[in-house]
N, C-alpha and C. Protein backbone atom coordinates (compact mmCIF):
# COMPACT_ATOMS: atom_id res chain seq x y z
N MET A 1 0.82 -1.21 0.00
CA MET A 1 0.00 0.00 0.00
C MET A 1 0.86 1.26 0.00
N SER A 2 2.07 1.20 -0.52
CA SER A 2 2.96 2.36 -0.51
C SER A 2 2.43 3.50 -1.37
N PHE A 3 1.46 3.21 -2.28
CA PHE A 3 0.94 4.26 -3.13
C PHE A 3 0.01 5.19 -2.36
N LEU A 4 -0.40 4.82 -1.15
CA LEU A 4 -1.21 5.71 -0.32
C LEU A 4 -0.25 6.50 0.57
N LEU A 5 0.17 7.64 0.07
CA LEU A 5 1.21 8.41 0.74
C LEU A 5 0.65 9.19 1.92
N PRO A 6 1.47 9.44 2.94
CA PRO A 6 1.02 10.25 4.08
C PRO A 6 0.63 11.65 3.63
N LYS A 7 -0.17 12.33 4.43
CA LYS A 7 -0.55 13.71 4.12
C LYS A 7 0.66 14.62 4.27
N PRO A 8 0.70 15.70 3.47
CA PRO A 8 1.83 16.64 3.54
C PRO A 8 2.03 17.23 4.93
N ASP A 9 0.94 17.39 5.70
CA ASP A 9 1.07 17.99 7.02
C ASP A 9 1.48 16.99 8.10
N GLY A 10 1.72 15.74 7.68
CA GLY A 10 2.17 14.73 8.62
C GLY A 10 1.06 14.05 9.39
N GLU A 11 -0.18 14.49 9.17
CA GLU A 11 -1.31 13.87 9.84
C GLU A 11 -1.55 12.46 9.30
N PRO A 12 -2.05 11.55 10.13
CA PRO A 12 -2.30 10.18 9.65
C PRO A 12 -3.42 10.15 8.62
N LEU A 13 -3.33 9.21 7.70
CA LEU A 13 -4.38 9.03 6.72
C LEU A 13 -5.64 8.49 7.39
N THR A 14 -6.77 8.85 6.85
CA THR A 14 -8.03 8.28 7.29
C THR A 14 -8.56 7.44 6.14
N ILE A 15 -8.60 6.14 6.35
CA ILE A 15 -8.90 5.22 5.26
C ILE A 15 -10.11 4.35 5.60
N GLY A 16 -10.96 4.16 4.61
CA GLY A 16 -12.05 3.20 4.73
C GLY A 16 -11.66 1.93 4.01
N ILE A 17 -11.87 0.80 4.64
CA ILE A 17 -11.62 -0.47 3.96
C ILE A 17 -12.95 -1.20 3.82
N MET A 18 -13.19 -1.69 2.64
CA MET A 18 -14.45 -2.34 2.31
C MET A 18 -14.17 -3.74 1.80
N GLY A 19 -14.37 -4.71 2.66
CA GLY A 19 -14.15 -6.09 2.27
C GLY A 19 -15.42 -6.71 1.74
N GLY A 20 -15.27 -7.76 0.97
CA GLY A 20 -16.44 -8.45 0.43
C GLY A 20 -16.03 -9.47 -0.59
N THR A 21 -16.95 -10.33 -0.95
CA THR A 21 -16.67 -11.31 -2.00
C THR A 21 -16.61 -10.62 -3.36
N PHE A 22 -17.47 -9.62 -3.56
CA PHE A 22 -17.53 -8.87 -4.82
C PHE A 22 -17.70 -9.82 -6.01
N ASP A 23 -18.77 -10.60 -5.95
CA ASP A 23 -19.00 -11.65 -6.94
C ASP A 23 -20.38 -11.50 -7.59
N PRO A 24 -20.61 -10.42 -8.37
CA PRO A 24 -19.66 -9.36 -8.74
C PRO A 24 -19.87 -8.11 -7.89
N ILE A 25 -18.96 -7.17 -8.03
CA ILE A 25 -19.14 -5.85 -7.43
C ILE A 25 -20.28 -5.15 -8.18
N HIS A 26 -21.04 -4.30 -7.50
CA HIS A 26 -22.17 -3.64 -8.15
C HIS A 26 -22.31 -2.20 -7.65
N ILE A 27 -23.29 -1.49 -8.20
CA ILE A 27 -23.42 -0.08 -7.88
C ILE A 27 -23.74 0.16 -6.42
N GLY A 28 -24.36 -0.79 -5.75
CA GLY A 28 -24.63 -0.65 -4.33
C GLY A 28 -23.35 -0.53 -3.53
N HIS A 29 -22.34 -1.34 -3.87
CA HIS A 29 -21.04 -1.26 -3.21
C HIS A 29 -20.41 0.11 -3.44
N LEU A 30 -20.47 0.57 -4.69
CA LEU A 30 -19.80 1.81 -5.06
C LEU A 30 -20.46 3.03 -4.42
N VAL A 31 -21.78 3.04 -4.41
CA VAL A 31 -22.51 4.15 -3.79
C VAL A 31 -22.23 4.19 -2.29
N THR A 32 -22.22 3.03 -1.66
CA THR A 32 -21.93 2.97 -0.22
C THR A 32 -20.54 3.51 0.08
N ALA A 33 -19.55 3.09 -0.71
CA ALA A 33 -18.17 3.53 -0.49
C ALA A 33 -18.03 5.03 -0.68
N GLU A 34 -18.68 5.58 -1.72
CA GLU A 34 -18.58 7.01 -1.98
C GLU A 34 -19.29 7.83 -0.91
N GLU A 35 -20.44 7.34 -0.47
CA GLU A 35 -21.17 8.05 0.58
C GLU A 35 -20.36 8.04 1.88
N ALA A 36 -19.75 6.91 2.21
CA ALA A 36 -18.91 6.82 3.41
C ALA A 36 -17.71 7.75 3.29
N ARG A 37 -17.10 7.79 2.11
CA ARG A 37 -15.94 8.66 1.91
C ARG A 37 -16.29 10.11 2.18
N GLN A 38 -17.44 10.55 1.68
CA GLN A 38 -17.81 11.94 1.84
C GLN A 38 -18.26 12.26 3.27
N GLN A 39 -19.08 11.41 3.83
CA GLN A 39 -19.63 11.71 5.16
C GLN A 39 -18.58 11.63 6.27
N PHE A 40 -17.60 10.76 6.10
CA PHE A 40 -16.60 10.58 7.16
C PHE A 40 -15.23 11.14 6.76
N ASP A 41 -15.21 11.90 5.67
CA ASP A 41 -14.00 12.60 5.24
C ASP A 41 -12.82 11.64 5.10
N LEU A 42 -13.04 10.53 4.41
CA LEU A 42 -11.99 9.53 4.20
C LEU A 42 -11.05 9.98 3.08
N ASP A 43 -9.77 9.75 3.27
CA ASP A 43 -8.80 10.08 2.23
C ASP A 43 -8.89 9.10 1.07
N PHE A 44 -9.11 7.84 1.38
CA PHE A 44 -9.24 6.79 0.37
C PHE A 44 -10.19 5.72 0.87
N VAL A 45 -10.75 4.97 -0.08
CA VAL A 45 -11.47 3.75 0.25
C VAL A 45 -10.78 2.61 -0.48
N ILE A 46 -10.40 1.59 0.27
CA ILE A 46 -9.71 0.44 -0.31
C ILE A 46 -10.67 -0.74 -0.35
N PHE A 47 -10.93 -1.26 -1.53
CA PHE A 47 -11.77 -2.44 -1.70
C PHE A 47 -10.88 -3.69 -1.58
N ILE A 48 -11.32 -4.65 -0.79
CA ILE A 48 -10.49 -5.83 -0.54
C ILE A 48 -11.29 -7.09 -0.85
N PRO A 49 -11.18 -7.60 -2.09
CA PRO A 49 -11.88 -8.85 -2.42
C PRO A 49 -11.38 -10.00 -1.54
N ALA A 50 -12.32 -10.77 -1.03
CA ALA A 50 -11.95 -11.89 -0.15
C ALA A 50 -11.24 -12.99 -0.95
N GLY A 51 -10.25 -13.58 -0.34
CA GLY A 51 -9.55 -14.69 -0.98
C GLY A 51 -10.28 -15.99 -0.73
N ALA A 52 -10.29 -16.41 0.54
CA ALA A 52 -10.99 -17.64 0.95
C ALA A 52 -11.91 -17.27 2.11
N PRO A 53 -13.11 -16.77 1.82
CA PRO A 53 -14.03 -16.36 2.89
C PRO A 53 -14.31 -17.51 3.84
N PRO A 54 -14.06 -17.35 5.14
CA PRO A 54 -14.21 -18.46 6.09
C PRO A 54 -15.64 -18.92 6.28
N HIS A 55 -16.62 -18.09 5.91
CA HIS A 55 -18.02 -18.46 6.16
C HIS A 55 -18.78 -18.78 4.87
N LYS A 56 -18.04 -18.96 3.75
CA LYS A 56 -18.70 -19.28 2.49
C LYS A 56 -18.07 -20.52 1.86
N ASP A 57 -18.88 -21.27 1.12
CA ASP A 57 -18.43 -22.47 0.44
C ASP A 57 -17.72 -22.06 -0.85
N ALA A 58 -16.43 -22.36 -0.93
CA ALA A 58 -15.62 -21.95 -2.08
C ALA A 58 -16.15 -22.50 -3.40
N ARG A 59 -16.92 -23.57 -3.35
CA ARG A 59 -17.44 -24.17 -4.59
C ARG A 59 -18.42 -23.25 -5.29
N TYR A 60 -19.00 -22.33 -4.56
CA TYR A 60 -20.03 -21.47 -5.12
C TYR A 60 -19.55 -20.02 -5.30
N ILE A 61 -18.24 -19.83 -5.29
CA ILE A 61 -17.66 -18.50 -5.45
C ILE A 61 -16.78 -18.49 -6.69
N SER A 62 -16.87 -17.43 -7.47
CA SER A 62 -16.03 -17.31 -8.66
C SER A 62 -14.56 -17.23 -8.26
N PRO A 63 -13.65 -17.67 -9.14
CA PRO A 63 -12.22 -17.59 -8.83
C PRO A 63 -11.82 -16.17 -8.41
N ALA A 64 -10.88 -16.10 -7.48
CA ALA A 64 -10.47 -14.82 -6.90
C ALA A 64 -9.98 -13.83 -7.96
N GLU A 65 -9.28 -14.31 -8.99
CA GLU A 65 -8.74 -13.39 -9.99
C GLU A 65 -9.85 -12.70 -10.77
N HIS A 66 -10.92 -13.43 -11.06
CA HIS A 66 -12.06 -12.81 -11.74
C HIS A 66 -12.64 -11.69 -10.87
N ARG A 67 -12.82 -11.98 -9.59
CA ARG A 67 -13.43 -11.01 -8.69
C ARG A 67 -12.53 -9.79 -8.49
N TYR A 68 -11.23 -10.03 -8.45
CA TYR A 68 -10.26 -8.94 -8.32
C TYR A 68 -10.31 -8.03 -9.55
N ILE A 69 -10.29 -8.63 -10.74
CA ILE A 69 -10.29 -7.84 -11.98
C ILE A 69 -11.59 -7.04 -12.10
N MET A 70 -12.72 -7.65 -11.77
CA MET A 70 -13.99 -6.92 -11.84
C MET A 70 -13.99 -5.73 -10.89
N THR A 71 -13.42 -5.91 -9.71
CA THR A 71 -13.36 -4.81 -8.75
C THR A 71 -12.46 -3.70 -9.26
N MET A 72 -11.35 -4.06 -9.86
CA MET A 72 -10.45 -3.06 -10.45
C MET A 72 -11.17 -2.27 -11.55
N LEU A 73 -11.88 -2.98 -12.40
CA LEU A 73 -12.60 -2.31 -13.49
C LEU A 73 -13.65 -1.34 -12.95
N ALA A 74 -14.26 -1.69 -11.84
CA ALA A 74 -15.34 -0.89 -11.28
C ALA A 74 -14.85 0.42 -10.65
N VAL A 75 -13.63 0.43 -10.12
CA VAL A 75 -13.17 1.59 -9.36
C VAL A 75 -12.13 2.43 -10.09
N VAL A 76 -11.73 2.01 -11.27
CA VAL A 76 -10.59 2.64 -11.94
C VAL A 76 -10.79 4.12 -12.21
N ASP A 77 -12.04 4.57 -12.36
CA ASP A 77 -12.26 5.98 -12.70
C ASP A 77 -12.48 6.86 -11.47
N ASN A 78 -12.30 6.32 -10.28
CA ASN A 78 -12.45 7.12 -9.05
C ASN A 78 -11.08 7.25 -8.39
N PRO A 79 -10.51 8.46 -8.34
CA PRO A 79 -9.15 8.63 -7.79
C PRO A 79 -9.07 8.36 -6.29
N TYR A 80 -10.20 8.27 -5.61
CA TYR A 80 -10.21 8.02 -4.17
C TYR A 80 -10.43 6.54 -3.84
N PHE A 81 -10.61 5.71 -4.87
CA PHE A 81 -10.83 4.28 -4.69
C PHE A 81 -9.61 3.51 -5.18
N THR A 82 -9.29 2.43 -4.50
CA THR A 82 -8.26 1.53 -4.98
C THR A 82 -8.61 0.12 -4.51
N VAL A 83 -7.85 -0.86 -4.99
CA VAL A 83 -8.13 -2.26 -4.68
C VAL A 83 -6.87 -2.92 -4.12
N SER A 84 -7.04 -3.72 -3.10
CA SER A 84 -5.92 -4.44 -2.50
C SER A 84 -6.05 -5.94 -2.73
N ARG A 85 -4.91 -6.59 -2.99
CA ARG A 85 -4.86 -8.05 -3.15
C ARG A 85 -4.53 -8.74 -1.82
N LEU A 86 -4.56 -8.01 -0.75
CA LEU A 86 -4.09 -8.52 0.54
C LEU A 86 -4.70 -9.87 0.89
N GLU A 87 -6.02 -9.98 0.82
CA GLU A 87 -6.66 -11.23 1.23
C GLU A 87 -6.55 -12.31 0.16
N ILE A 88 -6.58 -11.92 -1.11
CA ILE A 88 -6.43 -12.89 -2.18
C ILE A 88 -5.07 -13.57 -2.12
N ASP A 89 -4.03 -12.79 -1.91
CA ASP A 89 -2.68 -13.33 -1.89
C ASP A 89 -2.37 -14.09 -0.60
N ARG A 90 -3.20 -13.94 0.41
CA ARG A 90 -2.98 -14.65 1.66
C ARG A 90 -3.21 -16.15 1.50
N GLN A 91 -4.09 -16.53 0.57
CA GLN A 91 -4.34 -17.92 0.18
C GLN A 91 -4.73 -18.81 1.36
N LYS A 92 -5.43 -18.27 2.31
CA LYS A 92 -5.99 -19.05 3.40
C LYS A 92 -7.15 -18.25 3.97
N PRO A 93 -8.00 -18.89 4.75
CA PRO A 93 -9.14 -18.15 5.31
C PRO A 93 -8.67 -16.86 5.99
N SER A 94 -9.33 -15.75 5.64
CA SER A 94 -8.90 -14.45 6.13
C SER A 94 -10.03 -13.81 6.92
N TYR A 95 -9.69 -13.31 8.10
CA TYR A 95 -10.68 -12.69 8.96
C TYR A 95 -10.45 -11.18 8.99
N THR A 96 -11.49 -10.45 9.36
CA THR A 96 -11.40 -8.99 9.39
C THR A 96 -10.25 -8.51 10.25
N ILE A 97 -10.04 -9.14 11.41
CA ILE A 97 -8.97 -8.72 12.30
C ILE A 97 -7.61 -8.87 11.63
N ASP A 98 -7.43 -9.91 10.83
CA ASP A 98 -6.16 -10.13 10.14
C ASP A 98 -5.88 -8.98 9.16
N THR A 99 -6.92 -8.59 8.43
CA THR A 99 -6.77 -7.52 7.46
C THR A 99 -6.49 -6.18 8.13
N VAL A 100 -7.25 -5.87 9.16
CA VAL A 100 -7.07 -4.61 9.89
C VAL A 100 -5.68 -4.52 10.49
N GLN A 101 -5.23 -5.58 11.12
CA GLN A 101 -3.91 -5.58 11.73
C GLN A 101 -2.80 -5.46 10.69
N SER A 102 -3.02 -6.01 9.51
CA SER A 102 -2.02 -5.89 8.44
C SER A 102 -1.84 -4.44 8.03
N PHE A 103 -2.94 -3.70 7.89
CA PHE A 103 -2.85 -2.29 7.52
C PHE A 103 -2.18 -1.47 8.62
N ILE A 104 -2.50 -1.77 9.86
CA ILE A 104 -1.89 -1.06 10.97
C ILE A 104 -0.37 -1.28 10.97
N LYS A 105 0.04 -2.50 10.69
CA LYS A 105 1.46 -2.82 10.65
C LYS A 105 2.16 -2.10 9.50
N ILE A 106 1.51 -2.08 8.33
CA ILE A 106 2.09 -1.43 7.15
C ILE A 106 2.35 0.05 7.41
N TYR A 107 1.38 0.71 8.08
CA TYR A 107 1.48 2.14 8.30
C TYR A 107 2.03 2.50 9.67
N ASP A 108 2.48 1.51 10.40
CA ASP A 108 3.09 1.75 11.71
C ASP A 108 2.18 2.62 12.58
N HIS A 109 0.90 2.28 12.59
CA HIS A 109 -0.11 2.93 13.43
C HIS A 109 -0.44 4.37 13.00
N GLN A 110 0.17 4.87 11.91
CA GLN A 110 -0.13 6.23 11.44
C GLN A 110 -1.35 6.19 10.51
N LEU A 111 -2.46 5.75 11.07
CA LEU A 111 -3.62 5.47 10.24
C LEU A 111 -4.88 5.48 11.08
N ASN A 112 -5.94 6.13 10.57
CA ASN A 112 -7.26 6.02 11.17
C ASN A 112 -8.08 5.12 10.26
N LEU A 113 -8.52 3.99 10.78
CA LEU A 113 -9.20 2.99 9.95
C LEU A 113 -10.69 2.93 10.24
N TYR A 114 -11.48 2.88 9.16
CA TYR A 114 -12.92 2.65 9.23
C TYR A 114 -13.24 1.42 8.38
N PHE A 115 -13.89 0.46 8.98
CA PHE A 115 -14.29 -0.74 8.24
C PHE A 115 -15.74 -0.56 7.81
N ILE A 116 -15.97 -0.56 6.50
CA ILE A 116 -17.30 -0.31 5.94
C ILE A 116 -17.99 -1.64 5.66
N THR A 117 -19.17 -1.81 6.22
CA THR A 117 -19.91 -3.05 6.00
C THR A 117 -21.39 -2.77 6.14
N GLY A 118 -22.20 -3.79 5.91
CA GLY A 118 -23.64 -3.62 6.02
C GLY A 118 -24.10 -3.63 7.47
N ALA A 119 -25.20 -2.92 7.74
CA ALA A 119 -25.73 -2.86 9.10
C ALA A 119 -26.09 -4.26 9.61
N ASP A 120 -26.60 -5.11 8.74
CA ASP A 120 -26.96 -6.46 9.16
C ASP A 120 -25.73 -7.25 9.59
N ALA A 121 -24.62 -7.04 8.89
CA ALA A 121 -23.39 -7.76 9.23
C ALA A 121 -22.87 -7.36 10.60
N ILE A 122 -23.08 -6.10 10.97
CA ILE A 122 -22.62 -5.62 12.26
C ILE A 122 -23.31 -6.37 13.41
N LEU A 123 -24.54 -6.84 13.15
CA LEU A 123 -25.26 -7.58 14.19
C LEU A 123 -24.51 -8.84 14.60
N ASP A 124 -23.64 -9.34 13.73
CA ASP A 124 -22.89 -10.56 14.02
C ASP A 124 -21.50 -10.27 14.58
N ILE A 125 -21.20 -8.99 14.83
CA ILE A 125 -19.84 -8.61 15.20
C ILE A 125 -19.33 -9.33 16.44
N ILE A 126 -20.22 -9.63 17.37
CA ILE A 126 -19.78 -10.28 18.61
C ILE A 126 -19.25 -11.69 18.35
N SER A 127 -19.57 -12.25 17.19
CA SER A 127 -19.09 -13.59 16.87
C SER A 127 -17.84 -13.56 16.00
N TRP A 128 -17.40 -12.36 15.63
CA TRP A 128 -16.21 -12.25 14.79
C TRP A 128 -14.96 -12.58 15.59
N LYS A 129 -13.97 -13.07 14.88
CA LYS A 129 -12.71 -13.43 15.51
C LYS A 129 -12.06 -12.21 16.18
N ASP A 130 -11.63 -12.39 17.44
CA ASP A 130 -10.94 -11.33 18.19
C ASP A 130 -11.72 -10.03 18.18
N CYS A 131 -12.99 -10.12 18.52
CA CYS A 131 -13.89 -8.97 18.48
C CYS A 131 -13.35 -7.79 19.29
N GLU A 132 -12.88 -8.02 20.50
CA GLU A 132 -12.42 -6.93 21.35
C GLU A 132 -11.21 -6.22 20.75
N LEU A 133 -10.27 -6.99 20.22
CA LEU A 133 -9.09 -6.41 19.58
C LEU A 133 -9.51 -5.61 18.35
N LEU A 134 -10.48 -6.12 17.63
CA LEU A 134 -10.98 -5.44 16.44
C LEU A 134 -11.56 -4.07 16.80
N LEU A 135 -12.31 -4.03 17.88
CA LEU A 135 -12.90 -2.77 18.32
C LEU A 135 -11.84 -1.76 18.76
N ASP A 136 -10.72 -2.25 19.25
CA ASP A 136 -9.62 -1.38 19.64
C ASP A 136 -8.85 -0.86 18.43
N SER A 137 -8.99 -1.56 17.29
CA SER A 137 -8.14 -1.28 16.14
C SER A 137 -8.77 -0.37 15.09
N CYS A 138 -10.10 -0.32 15.03
CA CYS A 138 -10.74 0.47 13.98
C CYS A 138 -12.15 0.87 14.38
N TYR A 139 -12.72 1.75 13.58
CA TYR A 139 -14.13 2.11 13.71
C TYR A 139 -14.91 1.35 12.64
N PHE A 140 -16.20 1.26 12.82
CA PHE A 140 -17.05 0.61 11.85
C PHE A 140 -18.07 1.59 11.29
N ILE A 141 -18.34 1.47 10.00
CA ILE A 141 -19.41 2.21 9.36
C ILE A 141 -20.45 1.19 8.95
N ALA A 142 -21.61 1.25 9.58
CA ALA A 142 -22.70 0.31 9.31
C ALA A 142 -23.66 0.95 8.32
N ALA A 143 -23.65 0.47 7.10
CA ALA A 143 -24.44 1.08 6.03
C ALA A 143 -25.76 0.36 5.82
N SER A 144 -26.79 1.14 5.54
CA SER A 144 -28.09 0.55 5.27
C SER A 144 -28.89 1.46 4.36
N ARG A 145 -29.98 0.94 3.82
CA ARG A 145 -30.85 1.71 2.95
C ARG A 145 -31.84 2.52 3.77
N PRO A 146 -32.39 3.57 3.16
CA PRO A 146 -33.42 4.36 3.85
C PRO A 146 -34.58 3.46 4.27
N GLY A 147 -35.11 3.70 5.44
CA GLY A 147 -36.23 2.90 5.92
C GLY A 147 -35.80 1.77 6.84
N TYR A 148 -34.51 1.43 6.82
CA TYR A 148 -34.00 0.39 7.70
C TYR A 148 -34.00 0.92 9.14
N SER A 149 -34.48 0.12 10.04
CA SER A 149 -34.52 0.54 11.44
C SER A 149 -33.19 0.20 12.12
N PHE A 150 -32.51 1.24 12.57
CA PHE A 150 -31.26 1.02 13.28
C PHE A 150 -31.50 0.67 14.75
N GLY A 151 -32.77 0.64 15.15
CA GLY A 151 -33.09 0.38 16.55
C GLY A 151 -32.55 -0.94 17.05
N LYS A 152 -32.74 -2.01 16.27
CA LYS A 152 -32.27 -3.34 16.67
C LYS A 152 -30.76 -3.35 16.79
N LEU A 153 -30.10 -2.73 15.82
CA LEU A 153 -28.64 -2.68 15.84
C LEU A 153 -28.14 -1.97 17.09
N LYS A 154 -28.70 -0.83 17.39
CA LYS A 154 -28.29 -0.07 18.57
C LYS A 154 -28.53 -0.87 19.84
N SER A 155 -29.65 -1.59 19.89
CA SER A 155 -29.98 -2.39 21.07
C SER A 155 -28.97 -3.51 21.29
N VAL A 156 -28.61 -4.18 20.18
CA VAL A 156 -27.64 -5.27 20.27
C VAL A 156 -26.28 -4.74 20.71
N LEU A 157 -25.84 -3.65 20.12
CA LEU A 157 -24.53 -3.09 20.46
C LEU A 157 -24.49 -2.67 21.93
N LYS A 158 -25.54 -2.04 22.39
CA LYS A 158 -25.59 -1.57 23.77
C LYS A 158 -25.59 -2.73 24.76
N SER A 159 -26.28 -3.82 24.39
CA SER A 159 -26.34 -4.97 25.29
C SER A 159 -25.01 -5.69 25.39
N VAL A 160 -24.22 -5.63 24.32
CA VAL A 160 -22.91 -6.30 24.31
C VAL A 160 -21.89 -5.46 25.07
N SER A 161 -21.81 -4.19 24.70
CA SER A 161 -20.83 -3.31 25.33
C SER A 161 -21.13 -1.86 24.97
N PRO A 162 -21.26 -0.99 25.95
CA PRO A 162 -21.48 0.43 25.66
C PRO A 162 -20.39 1.00 24.77
N ARG A 163 -19.20 0.41 24.86
CA ARG A 163 -18.07 0.88 24.05
C ARG A 163 -18.34 0.73 22.55
N MET A 164 -19.14 -0.28 22.22
CA MET A 164 -19.41 -0.54 20.81
C MET A 164 -20.23 0.58 20.18
N ILE A 165 -21.07 1.23 20.98
CA ILE A 165 -21.88 2.33 20.47
C ILE A 165 -20.97 3.43 19.92
N LYS A 166 -19.84 3.67 20.59
CA LYS A 166 -18.91 4.72 20.17
C LYS A 166 -18.06 4.30 18.97
N LYS A 167 -17.94 3.01 18.75
CA LYS A 167 -17.08 2.51 17.68
C LYS A 167 -17.83 2.26 16.37
N VAL A 168 -19.14 2.20 16.43
CA VAL A 168 -19.93 1.91 15.24
C VAL A 168 -20.72 3.15 14.82
N HIS A 169 -20.48 3.61 13.60
CA HIS A 169 -21.18 4.77 13.05
C HIS A 169 -22.23 4.30 12.04
N LEU A 170 -23.38 4.89 12.08
CA LEU A 170 -24.47 4.49 11.21
C LEU A 170 -24.50 5.36 9.95
N LEU A 171 -24.77 4.72 8.82
CA LEU A 171 -24.77 5.43 7.54
C LEU A 171 -25.94 4.96 6.70
N GLU A 172 -26.83 5.88 6.37
CA GLU A 172 -27.95 5.56 5.49
C GLU A 172 -27.58 5.97 4.08
N ILE A 173 -27.75 5.05 3.14
CA ILE A 173 -27.39 5.32 1.75
C ILE A 173 -28.64 5.29 0.88
N PRO A 174 -28.57 5.85 -0.33
CA PRO A 174 -29.73 5.84 -1.23
C PRO A 174 -30.26 4.42 -1.45
N ALA A 175 -31.57 4.31 -1.53
CA ALA A 175 -32.21 2.99 -1.67
C ALA A 175 -31.84 2.35 -3.00
N MET A 176 -31.37 1.09 -2.94
CA MET A 176 -31.05 0.34 -4.14
C MET A 176 -31.22 -1.15 -3.85
N ALA A 177 -32.25 -1.73 -4.43
CA ALA A 177 -32.50 -3.15 -4.19
C ALA A 177 -31.66 -3.98 -5.15
N VAL A 178 -30.36 -3.96 -4.95
CA VAL A 178 -29.46 -4.72 -5.81
C VAL A 178 -28.46 -5.45 -4.94
N SER A 179 -28.11 -6.66 -5.36
CA SER A 179 -27.12 -7.45 -4.63
C SER A 179 -26.36 -8.30 -5.64
N SER A 180 -25.25 -8.86 -5.20
CA SER A 180 -24.48 -9.73 -6.09
C SER A 180 -25.29 -10.96 -6.47
N THR A 181 -26.03 -11.51 -5.51
CA THR A 181 -26.87 -12.68 -5.79
C THR A 181 -27.90 -12.36 -6.86
N PHE A 182 -28.52 -11.17 -6.75
CA PHE A 182 -29.52 -10.74 -7.73
C PHE A 182 -28.90 -10.68 -9.13
N ILE A 183 -27.69 -10.14 -9.23
CA ILE A 183 -27.03 -10.03 -10.52
C ILE A 183 -26.69 -11.41 -11.08
N ARG A 184 -26.15 -12.29 -10.24
CA ARG A 184 -25.81 -13.65 -10.70
C ARG A 184 -27.04 -14.37 -11.23
N ASN A 185 -28.15 -14.23 -10.51
CA ASN A 185 -29.39 -14.91 -10.93
C ASN A 185 -29.91 -14.35 -12.25
N ARG A 186 -29.77 -13.06 -12.45
CA ARG A 186 -30.22 -12.47 -13.70
C ARG A 186 -29.37 -12.94 -14.88
N VAL A 187 -28.06 -13.03 -14.68
CA VAL A 187 -27.19 -13.54 -15.74
C VAL A 187 -27.56 -14.98 -16.07
N ALA A 188 -27.75 -15.79 -15.04
CA ALA A 188 -28.10 -17.20 -15.26
C ALA A 188 -29.43 -17.35 -15.99
N ALA A 189 -30.34 -16.38 -15.78
CA ALA A 189 -31.65 -16.43 -16.42
C ALA A 189 -31.67 -15.74 -17.78
N GLY A 190 -30.52 -15.22 -18.19
CA GLY A 190 -30.45 -14.55 -19.47
C GLY A 190 -31.05 -13.16 -19.48
N LYS A 191 -31.17 -12.53 -18.31
CA LYS A 191 -31.74 -11.19 -18.22
C LYS A 191 -30.65 -10.13 -18.17
N THR A 192 -30.99 -8.92 -18.52
CA THR A 192 -30.02 -7.83 -18.55
C THR A 192 -29.56 -7.43 -17.15
N ILE A 193 -28.31 -7.01 -17.07
CA ILE A 193 -27.78 -6.47 -15.81
C ILE A 193 -27.24 -5.05 -16.04
N LYS A 194 -27.62 -4.47 -17.15
CA LYS A 194 -27.18 -3.11 -17.47
C LYS A 194 -27.60 -2.14 -16.37
N TYR A 195 -26.68 -1.27 -15.96
CA TYR A 195 -26.84 -0.25 -14.93
C TYR A 195 -26.86 -0.82 -13.50
N LEU A 196 -26.78 -2.13 -13.37
CA LEU A 196 -26.70 -2.72 -12.02
C LEU A 196 -25.25 -2.81 -11.56
N THR A 197 -24.35 -2.76 -12.51
CA THR A 197 -22.91 -2.82 -12.26
C THR A 197 -22.25 -1.97 -13.33
N PRO A 198 -21.04 -1.45 -13.11
CA PRO A 198 -20.39 -0.65 -14.16
C PRO A 198 -20.31 -1.41 -15.48
N GLU A 199 -20.38 -0.67 -16.58
CA GLU A 199 -20.39 -1.31 -17.90
C GLU A 199 -19.18 -2.20 -18.13
N ALA A 200 -18.01 -1.77 -17.65
CA ALA A 200 -16.81 -2.59 -17.84
C ALA A 200 -16.93 -3.93 -17.13
N VAL A 201 -17.56 -3.94 -15.96
CA VAL A 201 -17.78 -5.19 -15.23
C VAL A 201 -18.80 -6.06 -15.95
N GLU A 202 -19.86 -5.43 -16.44
CA GLU A 202 -20.89 -6.16 -17.20
C GLU A 202 -20.26 -6.89 -18.39
N GLN A 203 -19.44 -6.18 -19.14
CA GLN A 203 -18.80 -6.77 -20.31
C GLN A 203 -17.82 -7.88 -19.92
N TYR A 204 -17.13 -7.69 -18.80
CA TYR A 204 -16.20 -8.72 -18.33
C TYR A 204 -16.95 -10.01 -17.99
N ILE A 205 -18.10 -9.86 -17.34
CA ILE A 205 -18.91 -11.03 -16.97
C ILE A 205 -19.31 -11.81 -18.21
N TYR A 206 -19.81 -11.10 -19.24
CA TYR A 206 -20.24 -11.78 -20.46
C TYR A 206 -19.06 -12.39 -21.21
N LYS A 207 -17.96 -11.65 -21.29
CA LYS A 207 -16.79 -12.13 -22.03
C LYS A 207 -16.22 -13.40 -21.42
N ASN A 208 -16.27 -13.50 -20.09
CA ASN A 208 -15.67 -14.65 -19.42
C ASN A 208 -16.70 -15.72 -19.03
N GLY A 209 -17.93 -15.53 -19.45
CA GLY A 209 -18.96 -16.55 -19.21
C GLY A 209 -19.22 -16.81 -17.74
N LEU A 210 -19.14 -15.76 -16.90
CA LEU A 210 -19.36 -15.96 -15.48
C LEU A 210 -20.85 -16.13 -15.18
N TYR A 211 -21.11 -16.92 -14.13
CA TYR A 211 -22.45 -17.14 -13.61
C TYR A 211 -23.36 -17.95 -14.50
N ILE A 212 -22.77 -18.64 -15.50
CA ILE A 212 -23.52 -19.58 -16.31
C ILE A 212 -22.72 -20.87 -16.38
N GLN A 213 -23.33 -21.91 -16.84
CA GLN A 213 -22.63 -23.20 -16.92
C GLN A 213 -21.41 -23.07 -17.82
N GLY A 214 -20.31 -23.74 -17.41
CA GLY A 214 -19.10 -23.74 -18.22
C GLY A 214 -18.28 -22.48 -18.07
N GLN A 215 -18.44 -21.77 -16.93
CA GLN A 215 -17.66 -20.54 -16.76
C GLN A 215 -16.18 -20.85 -16.73
N ASN A 216 -15.41 -19.91 -17.27
CA ASN A 216 -13.96 -20.08 -17.33
C ASN A 216 -13.35 -19.83 -15.98
N GLU A 217 -12.19 -20.37 -15.75
CA GLU A 217 -11.46 -20.14 -14.52
C GLU A 217 -10.16 -19.44 -14.82
N VAL A 218 -9.71 -18.64 -13.88
CA VAL A 218 -8.44 -17.93 -14.01
C VAL A 218 -7.42 -18.62 -13.12
C-alpha cells in the first residue's frame, strides 16, 4: 500500500476499507463507499476482495482473480478508490482482524481505519474473531438503505458493550435493491444487468462466461 502516501502535514491518513466477496461488485457497493468517503472525510477507500471467505463455500464463489479484476474495473475511474490483493494473496481463510492488523502494521499505526460493511453484518460482530481487539483497532461504518430501522442494531450493540456504540457509526445510503446474488441470478436467467454494475464489469462477466454453466477459470 505504498501508493497511499502520508498527508503533507504529517497527519495520519483516514482510510475506509471495504471487504467483500464482490461476486460481482455492483453499484450498491460503489454508492456505499462514496457516501462513506464523503460523510466521514476519508482520504481513500480500499476495496479488498476476499480470498478464501471463512463463512462461504468456495465451490459457489467465482475464482479470486475474476473477482479482483472486476473490482479493479469498477473503481478505476475514481481517484479516491483503490483495490488491494491482501486477502487474495494470503491464500488461506482471512478474517477482518487479520486484514485490519495488516494495515496497521504497514502504516506503523499512522492510520485512522474505518471498516465499511452492512448494518446487518454488524449484528454478528460479537461472533467475529478477536472482536475486542478489532474494536480497539478500527471504527465501523454500518451502512443501510433508507427505511431500515437502526433500533435493533443499537440495542444489540448496547447490550454487548457500551463501548461498541462509540465505535460503530451508522450510515444511510440511497435505496437500491441490488445485490451480487440478484445479478448472478439475472445472468443465469439470461436477463439484462445493465446499470446494475459498471459497464466494464458487465462486459467482463459476459466475455468470461461468469455465472452460467461452463464458466472459465483464471
